[in-house]
């Protein structure tokens, strides 16, 4: 038995993103680049680099003018299992939820705000404004921030429901219990917030939505796929590519390098992984 490392194909991702951004938007519609900026701006306005009491009033009230930074990120690493497969996953997370009361929720004030004020009816029940600085043995109350256009039609609702699938998968796998979605107009103005409990999203889609996807089907499919992948890749070493082409109902696994690990594993990691580890005798006391 040997370990398998799965890494995203970054080259393909960048090419797909460039192709998407190069498409001509519908007349009056925002470009992909602008909508991406809105998402990062929402994070900038929603997060603080330190707990509320440790953050200056000038910083809190000046967040509207901060330069958006899409490089800052934190990574959650979790050990989990799906079916018979055991996994170690890593992914980017936005923030964590500290034990602050809802009365401390900050409202951005401006004479010409880029985002509409948030009413008390749509505000989250808690504040998320701090991130952990060291590992912890207890689960972290992570929160993920997302944006979406306010649904105006049945087609929009279906589109948002499919978006919820991506939100749920990302947060479910990384152990993120809460998601805050900022609903915006087509012009990028924030209209409302919705706080979602990750584990309840599949039931929400089933009861209130169009039922376009089922969480149990997703989990069962993933478990079956991982077992099939383990039976397919039986050689130690080499690089394989997992590919699902658009509008093709099959998943392909192709070996692209006979030896080595490609650019997936760094030399530093391989050196650490292969060097002898000192044996530590554990006491039963």
C-alpha atoms as a PDB file:
ATOM      1  CA  UNK A   1       0.000   0.000   0.000  1.00  0.00           C
ATOM      2  CA  UNK A   2       1.333   3.448  -0.855  1.00  0.00           C
ATOM      3  CA  UNK A   3       0.184   7.053  -0.550  1.00  0.00           C
ATOM      4  CA  UNK A   4      -1.317   8.962  -3.460  1.00  0.00           C
ATOM      5  CA  UNK A   5      -1.099  12.734  -3.799  1.00  0.00           C
ATOM      6  CA  UNK A   6      -3.779  14.553  -5.800  1.00  0.00           C
ATOM      7  CA  UNK A   7      -3.068  18.109  -6.912  1.00  0.00           C
ATOM      8  CA  UNK A   8      -5.131  20.497  -9.027  1.00  0.00           C
ATOM      9  CA  UNK A   9      -3.976  21.066 -12.608  1.00  0.00           C
ATOM     10  CA  UNK A  10      -3.061  24.732 -12.251  1.00  0.00           C
ATOM     11  CA  UNK A  11      -2.064  25.186 -15.913  1.00  0.00           C
ATOM     12  CA  UNK A  12      -5.463  23.961 -17.101  1.00  0.00           C
ATOM     13  CA  UNK A  13      -7.212  26.064 -14.469  1.00  0.00           C
ATOM     14  CA  UNK A  14      -5.427  29.234 -15.606  1.00  0.00           C
ATOM     15  CA  UNK A  15      -6.164  28.495 -19.271  1.00  0.00           C
ATOM     16  CA  UNK A  16      -9.845  27.917 -18.502  1.00  0.00           C
ATOM     17  CA  UNK A  17     -10.009  31.102 -16.468  1.00  0.00           C
ATOM     18  CA  UNK A  18      -8.350  33.128 -19.234  1.00  0.00           C
ATOM     19  CA  UNK A  19     -10.768  31.699 -21.805  1.00  0.00           C
ATOM     20  CA  UNK A  20     -13.706  32.552 -19.550  1.00  0.00           C
ATOM     21  CA  UNK A  21     -12.478  36.091 -18.967  1.00  0.00           C
ATOM     22  CA  UNK A  22     -11.868  36.655 -22.691  1.00  0.00           C
ATOM     23  CA  UNK A  23     -15.486  35.931 -23.571  1.00  0.00           C
ATOM     24  CA  UNK A  24     -17.509  38.986 -24.471  1.00  0.00           C
ATOM     25  CA  UNK A  25     -20.017  39.734 -21.708  1.00  0.00           C
ATOM     26  CA  UNK A  26     -23.646  40.401 -22.471  1.00  0.00           C
ATOM     27  CA  UNK A  27     -24.445  44.038 -23.018  1.00  0.00           C
ATOM     28  CA  UNK A  28     -24.732  45.750 -19.648  1.00  0.00           C
ATOM     29  CA  UNK A  29     -23.333  42.734 -17.738  1.00  0.00           C
ATOM     30  CA  UNK A  30     -20.225  42.962 -15.571  1.00  0.00           C
ATOM     31  CA  UNK A  31     -17.032  41.258 -16.702  1.00  0.00           C
ATOM     32  CA  UNK A  32     -15.624  38.187 -14.938  1.00  0.00           C
ATOM     33  CA  UNK A  33     -12.687  40.252 -13.679  1.00  0.00           C
ATOM     34  CA  UNK A  34     -15.015  42.836 -12.140  1.00  0.00           C
ATOM     35  CA  UNK A  35     -17.173  40.179 -10.448  1.00  0.00           C
ATOM     36  CA  UNK A  36     -14.019  38.557  -9.042  1.00  0.00           C
ATOM     37  CA  UNK A  37     -13.027  41.938  -7.652  1.00  0.00           C
ATOM     38  CA  UNK A  38     -16.440  42.299  -5.997  1.00  0.00           C
ATOM     39  CA  UNK A  39     -15.873  39.007  -4.185  1.00  0.00           C
ATOM     40  CA  UNK A  40     -12.461  40.062  -2.887  1.00  0.00           C
ATOM     41  CA  UNK A  41     -13.833  43.471  -1.911  1.00  0.00           C
ATOM     42  CA  UNK A  42     -16.585  41.752   0.082  1.00  0.00           C
ATOM     43  CA  UNK A  43     -13.911  39.844   2.014  1.00  0.00           C
ATOM     44  CA  UNK A  44     -11.908  43.037   2.626  1.00  0.00           C
ATOM     45  CA  UNK A  45     -14.949  44.805   4.072  1.00  0.00           C
ATOM     46  CA  UNK A  46     -16.025  41.800   6.141  1.00  0.00           C
ATOM     47  CA  UNK A  47     -12.770  40.798   7.845  1.00  0.00           C
ATOM     48  CA  UNK A  48     -10.402  42.304  10.381  1.00  0.00           C
ATOM     49  CA  UNK A  49      -6.747  41.269  10.850  1.00  0.00           C
ATOM     50  CA  UNK A  50      -7.177  41.095  14.643  1.00  0.00           C
ATOM     51  CA  UNK A  51     -10.028  40.821  17.182  1.00  0.00           C
ATOM     52  CA  UNK A  52     -12.386  43.782  17.412  1.00  0.00           C
ATOM     53  CA  UNK A  53     -10.933  45.135  20.673  1.00  0.00           C
ATOM     54  CA  UNK A  54      -7.406  45.077  19.212  1.00  0.00           C
ATOM     55  CA  UNK A  55      -8.333  46.895  15.986  1.00  0.00           C
ATOM     56  CA  UNK A  56      -8.260  50.691  15.765  1.00  0.00           C
ATOM     57  CA  UNK A  57     -11.390  52.649  14.948  1.00  0.00           C
ATOM     58  CA  UNK A  58      -9.587  54.266  12.008  1.00  0.00           C
ATOM     59  CA  UNK A  59      -8.922  50.843  10.466  1.00  0.00           C
ATOM     60  CA  UNK A  60     -12.491  49.646  10.991  1.00  0.00           C
ATOM     61  CA  UNK A  61     -14.052  52.754   9.468  1.00  0.00           C
ATOM     62  CA  UNK A  62     -11.459  52.975   6.692  1.00  0.00           C
ATOM     63  CA  UNK A  63     -11.931  49.476   5.244  1.00  0.00           C
ATOM     64  CA  UNK A  64     -13.860  50.913   2.298  1.00  0.00           C
ATOM     65  CA  UNK A  65     -10.646  52.499   1.027  1.00  0.00           C
ATOM     66  CA  UNK A  66      -8.336  49.509   1.579  1.00  0.00           C
ATOM     67  CA  UNK A  67      -6.575  48.031  -1.437  1.00  0.00           C
ATOM     68  CA  UNK A  68      -8.005  44.599  -2.215  1.00  0.00           C
ATOM     69  CA  UNK A  69      -5.522  41.755  -1.718  1.00  0.00           C
ATOM     70  CA  UNK A  70      -6.364  38.366  -3.199  1.00  0.00           C
ATOM     71  CA  UNK A  71      -3.110  36.713  -2.074  1.00  0.00           C
ATOM     72  CA  UNK A  72      -3.621  36.622   1.689  1.00  0.00           C
ATOM     73  CA  UNK A  73      -5.105  33.289   2.718  1.00  0.00           C
ATOM     74  CA  UNK A  74      -5.128  30.666   5.430  1.00  0.00           C
ATOM     75  CA  UNK A  75      -5.072  26.927   4.880  1.00  0.00           C
ATOM     76  CA  UNK A  76      -7.082  24.340   6.777  1.00  0.00           C
ATOM     77  CA  UNK A  77      -5.564  20.837   6.801  1.00  0.00           C
ATOM     78  CA  UNK A  78      -7.902  18.041   7.860  1.00  0.00           C
ATOM     79  CA  UNK A  79      -7.728  14.275   8.138  1.00  0.00           C
ATOM     80  CA  UNK A  80     -10.985  12.651   7.059  1.00  0.00           C
ATOM     81  CA  UNK A  81     -12.488   9.700   5.255  1.00  0.00           C
ATOM     82  CA  UNK A  82     -15.021   9.120   2.488  1.00  0.00           C
ATOM     83  CA  UNK A  83     -16.234   5.552   2.227  1.00  0.00           C
ATOM     84  CA  UNK A  84     -13.232   3.253   2.560  1.00  0.00           C
ATOM     85  CA  UNK A  85     -10.728   5.960   1.538  1.00  0.00           C
ATOM     86  CA  UNK A  86      -8.714   7.949   4.065  1.00  0.00           C
ATOM     87  CA  UNK A  87      -7.755  11.471   3.049  1.00  0.00           C
ATOM     88  CA  UNK A  88      -5.653  14.410   4.183  1.00  0.00           C
ATOM     89  CA  UNK A  89      -7.031  17.572   2.590  1.00  0.00           C
ATOM     90  CA  UNK A  90      -5.810  21.147   2.492  1.00  0.00           C
ATOM     91  CA  UNK A  91      -7.688  24.204   1.322  1.00  0.00           C
ATOM     92  CA  UNK A  92      -8.006  27.962   1.682  1.00  0.00           C
ATOM     93  CA  UNK A  93     -10.349  29.357   4.361  1.00  0.00           C
ATOM     94  CA  UNK A  94     -11.390  32.970   4.929  1.00  0.00           C
ATOM     95  CA  UNK A  95     -11.778  33.466   8.699  1.00  0.00           C
ATOM     96  CA  UNK A  96     -12.913  32.045  12.009  1.00  0.00           C
ATOM     97  CA  UNK A  97     -15.770  32.922  14.315  1.00  0.00           C
ATOM     98  CA  UNK A  98     -14.698  34.299  17.710  1.00  0.00           C
ATOM     99  CA  UNK A  99     -17.091  34.447  20.689  1.00  0.00           C
ATOM    100  CA  UNK A 100     -18.313  37.991  20.114  1.00  0.00           C
ATOM    101  CA  UNK A 101     -21.970  39.054  20.506  1.00  0.00           C
ATOM    102  CA  UNK A 102     -24.015  40.188  17.521  1.00  0.00           C
ATOM    103  CA  UNK A 103     -24.324  43.673  18.999  1.00  0.00           C
ATOM    104  CA  UNK A 104     -20.719  44.345  17.943  1.00  0.00           C
ATOM    105  CA  UNK A 105     -21.497  43.898  14.253  1.00  0.00           C
ATOM    106  CA  UNK A 106     -19.919  46.736  12.295  1.00  0.00           C
ATOM    107  CA  UNK A 107     -21.960  48.704   9.771  1.00  0.00           C
ATOM    108  CA  UNK A 108     -19.968  50.501   7.115  1.00  0.00           C
ATOM    109  CA  UNK A 109     -20.995  54.154   6.852  1.00  0.00           C
ATOM    110  CA  UNK A 110     -20.198  56.425   3.929  1.00  0.00           C
ATOM    111  CA  UNK A 111     -21.704  59.322   2.043  1.00  0.00           C
ATOM    112  CA  UNK A 112     -21.433  57.311  -1.180  1.00  0.00           C
ATOM    113  CA  UNK A 113     -21.020  53.654  -0.153  1.00  0.00           C
ATOM    114  CA  UNK A 114     -20.048  51.100  -2.805  1.00  0.00           C
ATOM    115  CA  UNK A 115     -22.154  48.595  -0.870  1.00  0.00           C
ATOM    116  CA  UNK A 116     -25.708  49.125   0.348  1.00  0.00           C
ATOM    117  CA  UNK A 117     -26.259  49.257   4.143  1.00  0.00           C
ATOM    118  CA  UNK A 118     -27.151  45.954   5.765  1.00  0.00           C
ATOM    119  CA  UNK A 119     -30.403  45.824   7.722  1.00  0.00           C
ATOM    120  CA  UNK A 120     -30.737  44.047  11.057  1.00  0.00           C
ATOM    121  CA  UNK A 121     -32.989  41.466   9.384  1.00  0.00           C
ATOM    122  CA  UNK A 122     -30.230  40.267   7.086  1.00  0.00           C
ATOM    123  CA  UNK A 123     -27.212  40.666   9.370  1.00  0.00           C
ATOM    124  CA  UNK A 124     -25.473  37.513  10.622  1.00  0.00           C
ATOM    125  CA  UNK A 125     -26.096  36.455  14.236  1.00  0.00           C
ATOM    126  CA  UNK A 126     -22.383  36.636  15.062  1.00  0.00           C
ATOM    127  CA  UNK A 127     -19.241  38.466  14.083  1.00  0.00           C
ATOM    128  CA  UNK A 128     -16.301  36.924  12.210  1.00  0.00           C
ATOM    129  CA  UNK A 129     -13.242  39.112  12.528  1.00  0.00           C
ATOM    130  CA  UNK A 130     -10.292  37.035  13.708  1.00  0.00           C
ATOM    131  CA  UNK A 131      -8.137  34.170  12.497  1.00  0.00           C
ATOM    132  CA  UNK A 132      -6.164  31.585  14.496  1.00  0.00           C
ATOM    133  CA  UNK A 133      -2.411  32.045  14.776  1.00  0.00           C
ATOM    134  CA  UNK A 134      -1.481  28.545  15.987  1.00  0.00           C
ATOM    135  CA  UNK A 135      -2.729  24.957  15.544  1.00  0.00           C
ATOM    136  CA  UNK A 136      -5.387  23.735  17.933  1.00  0.00           C
ATOM    137  CA  UNK A 137      -6.600  20.294  18.958  1.00  0.00           C
ATOM    138  CA  UNK A 138     -10.199  21.520  19.067  1.00  0.00           C
ATOM    139  CA  UNK A 139     -12.287  22.148  15.923  1.00  0.00           C
ATOM    140  CA  UNK A 140     -11.944  25.671  14.575  1.00  0.00           C
ATOM    141  CA  UNK A 141     -15.104  27.657  13.900  1.00  0.00           C
ATOM    142  CA  UNK A 142     -14.113  28.492  10.343  1.00  0.00           C
ATOM    143  CA  UNK A 143     -16.353  30.640   8.185  1.00  0.00           C
ATOM    144  CA  UNK A 144     -16.345  31.003   4.408  1.00  0.00           C
ATOM    145  CA  UNK A 145     -17.421  34.203   2.640  1.00  0.00           C
ATOM    146  CA  UNK A 146     -19.176  34.051  -0.727  1.00  0.00           C
ATOM    147  CA  UNK A 147     -21.046  36.421  -3.032  1.00  0.00           C
ATOM    148  CA  UNK A 148     -23.891  35.762  -5.449  1.00  0.00           C
ATOM    149  CA  UNK A 149     -26.319  37.739  -7.562  1.00  0.00           C
ATOM    150  CA  UNK A 150     -29.732  38.159  -5.939  1.00  0.00           C
ATOM    151  CA  UNK A 151     -32.050  35.647  -7.683  1.00  0.00           C
ATOM    152  CA  UNK A 152     -34.773  37.333  -9.720  1.00  0.00           C
ATOM    153  CA  UNK A 153     -36.283  34.376 -11.594  1.00  0.00           C
ATOM    154  CA  UNK A 154     -36.598  30.585 -11.508  1.00  0.00           C
ATOM    155  CA  UNK A 155     -33.549  30.380 -13.739  1.00  0.00           C
ATOM    156  CA  UNK A 156     -31.585  32.499 -11.264  1.00  0.00           C
ATOM    157  CA  UNK A 157     -32.698  30.276  -8.388  1.00  0.00           C
ATOM    158  CA  UNK A 158     -31.476  27.178 -10.227  1.00  0.00           C
ATOM    159  CA  UNK A 159     -28.172  28.909 -10.967  1.00  0.00           C
ATOM    160  CA  UNK A 160     -27.728  29.812  -7.296  1.00  0.00           C
ATOM    161  CA  UNK A 161     -28.670  26.285  -6.237  1.00  0.00           C
ATOM    162  CA  UNK A 162     -25.877  24.867  -8.391  1.00  0.00           C
ATOM    163  CA  UNK A 163     -23.552  27.429  -6.863  1.00  0.00           C
ATOM    164  CA  UNK A 164     -24.568  26.154  -3.440  1.00  0.00           C
ATOM    165  CA  UNK A 165     -23.247  22.732  -4.443  1.00  0.00           C
ATOM    166  CA  UNK A 166     -19.763  24.206  -4.857  1.00  0.00           C
ATOM    167  CA  UNK A 167     -20.087  26.139  -1.600  1.00  0.00           C
ATOM    168  CA  UNK A 168     -21.185  23.018   0.269  1.00  0.00           C
ATOM    169  CA  UNK A 169     -18.519  20.680  -1.143  1.00  0.00           C
ATOM    170  CA  UNK A 170     -15.674  23.076  -0.368  1.00  0.00           C
ATOM    171  CA  UNK A 171     -16.789  23.785   3.195  1.00  0.00           C
ATOM    172  CA  UNK A 172     -17.995  20.247   3.985  1.00  0.00           C
ATOM    173  CA  UNK A 173     -14.656  18.660   3.078  1.00  0.00           C
ATOM    174  CA  UNK A 174     -12.595  21.214   5.035  1.00  0.00           C
ATOM    175  CA  UNK A 175     -14.792  21.159   8.136  1.00  0.00           C
ATOM    176  CA  UNK A 176     -16.080  24.727   7.720  1.00  0.00           C
ATOM    177  CA  UNK A 177     -19.362  24.931   9.688  1.00  0.00           C
ATOM    178  CA  UNK A 178     -20.652  28.306   8.483  1.00  0.00           C
ATOM    179  CA  UNK A 179     -20.926  30.149   5.160  1.00  0.00           C
ATOM    180  CA  UNK A 180     -21.974  33.778   4.798  1.00  0.00           C
ATOM    181  CA  UNK A 181     -23.329  34.710   1.372  1.00  0.00           C
ATOM    182  CA  UNK A 182     -23.542  38.337   0.311  1.00  0.00           C
ATOM    183  CA  UNK A 183     -26.307  38.880  -2.248  1.00  0.00           C
ATOM    184  CA  UNK A 184     -25.642  41.699  -4.684  1.00  0.00           C
ATOM    185  CA  UNK A 185     -27.304  43.538  -7.521  1.00  0.00           C
ATOM    186  CA  UNK A 186     -26.090  43.283 -11.132  1.00  0.00           C
ATOM    187  CA  UNK A 187     -24.201  46.518 -10.450  1.00  0.00           C
ATOM    188  CA  UNK A 188     -22.327  44.985  -7.517  1.00  0.00           C
ATOM    189  CA  UNK A 189     -24.244  46.640  -4.664  1.00  0.00           C
ATOM    190  CA  UNK A 190     -24.679  44.489  -1.569  1.00  0.00           C
ATOM    191  CA  UNK A 191     -28.367  43.968  -0.764  1.00  0.00           C
ATOM    192  CA  UNK A 192     -28.469  41.343   1.984  1.00  0.00           C
ATOM    193  CA  UNK A 193     -26.549  38.647   3.846  1.00  0.00           C
ATOM    194  CA  UNK A 194     -27.505  35.051   4.497  1.00  0.00           C
ATOM    195  CA  UNK A 195     -25.819  32.822   7.058  1.00  0.00           C
ATOM    196  CA  UNK A 196     -25.804  29.149   6.065  1.00  0.00           C
ATOM    197  CA  UNK A 197     -24.997  26.123   8.193  1.00  0.00           C
ATOM    198  CA  UNK A 198     -22.881  23.903   5.936  1.00  0.00           C
ATOM    199  CA  UNK A 199     -24.342  20.565   7.008  1.00  0.00           C
ATOM    200  CA  UNK A 200     -27.893  21.821   6.399  1.00  0.00           C
ATOM    201  CA  UNK A 201     -27.379  23.014   2.804  1.00  0.00           C
ATOM    202  CA  UNK A 202     -28.358  19.687   1.132  1.00  0.00           C
ATOM    203  CA  UNK A 203     -31.623  19.620   3.104  1.00  0.00           C
ATOM    204  CA  UNK A 204     -32.213  23.276   2.261  1.00  0.00           C
ATOM    205  CA  UNK A 205     -31.871  22.521  -1.447  1.00  0.00           C
ATOM    206  CA  UNK A 206     -34.213  19.545  -1.147  1.00  0.00           C
ATOM    207  CA  UNK A 207     -36.927  21.378   0.795  1.00  0.00           C
ATOM    208  CA  UNK A 208     -36.816  24.935  -0.548  1.00  0.00           C
ATOM    209  CA  UNK A 209     -34.993  24.698  -3.863  1.00  0.00           C
ATOM    210  CA  UNK A 210     -35.378  22.939  -7.179  1.00  0.00           C
ATOM    211  CA  UNK A 211     -33.727  19.747  -5.940  1.00  0.00           C
ATOM    212  CA  UNK A 212     -31.085  19.861  -8.681  1.00  0.00           C
ATOM    213  CA  UNK A 213     -28.560  17.881  -6.598  1.00  0.00           C
ATOM    214  CA  UNK A 214     -28.483  15.488  -3.664  1.00  0.00           C
ATOM    215  CA  UNK A 215     -25.749  15.510  -1.026  1.00  0.00           C
ATOM    216  CA  UNK A 216     -25.937  11.754  -0.415  1.00  0.00           C
ATOM    217  CA  UNK A 217     -25.504  11.059  -4.131  1.00  0.00           C
ATOM    218  CA  UNK A 218     -22.440  13.325  -4.178  1.00  0.00           C
ATOM    219  CA  UNK A 219     -20.838  11.566  -1.192  1.00  0.00           C
ATOM    220  CA  UNK A 220     -21.599   8.071  -2.493  1.00  0.00           C
ATOM    221  CA  UNK A 221     -20.249   8.933  -5.943  1.00  0.00           C
ATOM    222  CA  UNK A 222     -17.048  10.362  -4.458  1.00  0.00           C
ATOM    223  CA  UNK A 223     -16.567   7.271  -2.272  1.00  0.00           C
ATOM    224  CA  UNK A 224     -17.024   4.983  -5.284  1.00  0.00           C
ATOM    225  CA  UNK A 225     -14.717   7.080  -7.444  1.00  0.00           C
ATOM    226  CA  UNK A 226     -11.906   7.071  -4.858  1.00  0.00           C
ATOM    227  CA  UNK A 227     -12.144   3.283  -4.491  1.00  0.00           C
ATOM    228  CA  UNK A 228     -12.043   2.887  -8.280  1.00  0.00           C
ATOM    229  CA  UNK A 229      -9.053   5.248  -8.431  1.00  0.00           C
ATOM    230  CA  UNK A 230      -7.177   3.133  -5.865  1.00  0.00           C
ATOM    231  CA  UNK A 231      -7.799  -0.002  -7.935  1.00  0.00           C
ATOM    232  CA  UNK A 232      -6.754   1.775 -11.147  1.00  0.00           C
ATOM    233  CA  UNK A 233      -3.492   3.343  -9.972  1.00  0.00           C
ATOM    234  CA  UNK A 234      -1.608   0.370  -8.567  1.00  0.00           C
ATOM    235  CA  UNK A 235       1.939   1.492  -9.404  1.00  0.00           C
ATOM    236  CA  UNK A 236       4.137   3.457  -7.032  1.00  0.00           C
ATOM    237  CA  UNK A 237       5.684   6.502  -8.730  1.00  0.00           C
ATOM    238  CA  UNK A 238       4.841   8.439 -11.831  1.00  0.00           C
ATOM    239  CA  UNK A 239       2.274  11.167 -12.469  1.00  0.00           C
ATOM    240  CA  UNK A 240      -1.316  10.517 -13.514  1.00  0.00           C
ATOM    241  CA  UNK A 241      -3.924  12.961 -14.801  1.00  0.00           C
ATOM    242  CA  UNK A 242      -7.590  12.746 -13.831  1.00  0.00           C
ATOM    243  CA  UNK A 243      -9.698  14.373 -16.530  1.00  0.00           C
ATOM    244  CA  UNK A 244     -13.401  15.069 -17.010  1.00  0.00           C
ATOM    245  CA  UNK A 245     -13.946  16.710 -20.376  1.00  0.00           C
ATOM    246  CA  UNK A 246     -16.870  19.049 -20.904  1.00  0.00           C
ATOM    247  CA  UNK A 247     -20.078  17.299 -22.054  1.00  0.00           C
ATOM    248  CA  UNK A 248     -18.361  13.880 -21.896  1.00  0.00           C
ATOM    249  CA  UNK A 249     -19.998  11.557 -19.295  1.00  0.00           C
ATOM    250  CA  UNK A 250     -16.816   9.696 -18.344  1.00  0.00           C
ATOM    251  CA  UNK A 251     -13.803  10.322 -16.125  1.00  0.00           C
ATOM    252  CA  UNK A 252     -10.420   9.451 -17.607  1.00  0.00           C
ATOM    253  CA  UNK A 253      -7.203   8.564 -15.777  1.00  0.00           C
ATOM    254  CA  UNK A 254      -4.060   8.842 -17.914  1.00  0.00           C
ATOM    255  CA  UNK A 255      -0.435   8.359 -16.923  1.00  0.00           C
ATOM    256  CA  UNK A 256       1.564  11.384 -18.105  1.00  0.00           C
ATOM    257  CA  UNK A 257       4.968  10.691 -16.460  1.00  0.00           C
ATOM    258  CA  UNK A 258       6.489   7.268 -15.860  1.00  0.00           C
ATOM    259  CA  UNK A 259       8.692   8.275 -12.927  1.00  0.00           C
ATOM    260  CA  UNK A 260       8.982  11.069 -10.438  1.00  0.00           C
ATOM    261  CA  UNK A 261       6.321  13.255  -8.859  1.00  0.00           C
ATOM    262  CA  UNK A 262       6.088  16.106 -11.342  1.00  0.00           C
ATOM    263  CA  UNK A 263       5.847  19.498  -9.653  1.00  0.00           C
ATOM    264  CA  UNK A 264       3.361  18.253  -7.074  1.00  0.00           C
ATOM    265  CA  UNK A 265       5.861  17.495  -4.300  1.00  0.00           C
ATOM    266  CA  UNK A 266       8.738  19.817  -3.434  1.00  0.00           C
ATOM    267  CA  UNK A 267      12.296  18.578  -2.906  1.00  0.00           C
ATOM    268  CA  UNK A 268      12.148  19.737   0.690  1.00  0.00           C
ATOM    269  CA  UNK A 269       9.046  17.639   1.345  1.00  0.00           C
ATOM    270  CA  UNK A 270      10.503  14.547  -0.352  1.00  0.00           C
ATOM    271  CA  UNK A 271      13.698  14.889   1.668  1.00  0.00           C
ATOM    272  CA  UNK A 272      11.718  15.171   4.913  1.00  0.00           C
ATOM    273  CA  UNK A 273       9.425  12.279   3.926  1.00  0.00           C
ATOM    274  CA  UNK A 274      12.257   9.905   3.061  1.00  0.00           C
ATOM    275  CA  UNK A 275      14.751  10.648   5.816  1.00  0.00           C
ATOM    276  CA  UNK A 276      14.804   8.200   8.778  1.00  0.00           C
ATOM    277  CA  UNK A 277      12.636   9.292  11.700  1.00  0.00           C
ATOM    278  CA  UNK A 278      13.790   8.675  15.283  1.00  0.00           C
ATOM    279  CA  UNK A 279      11.801   5.983  17.056  1.00  0.00           C
ATOM    280  CA  UNK A 280       9.964   7.275  20.102  1.00  0.00           C
ATOM    281  CA  UNK A 281       8.847   4.633  22.582  1.00  0.00           C
ATOM    282  CA  UNK A 282       5.429   5.406  23.993  1.00  0.00           C
ATOM    283  CA  UNK A 283       4.651   4.758  27.606  1.00  0.00           C
ATOM    284  CA  UNK A 284       1.468   2.996  28.659  1.00  0.00           C
ATOM    285  CA  UNK A 285       1.356   4.967  31.856  1.00  0.00           C
END
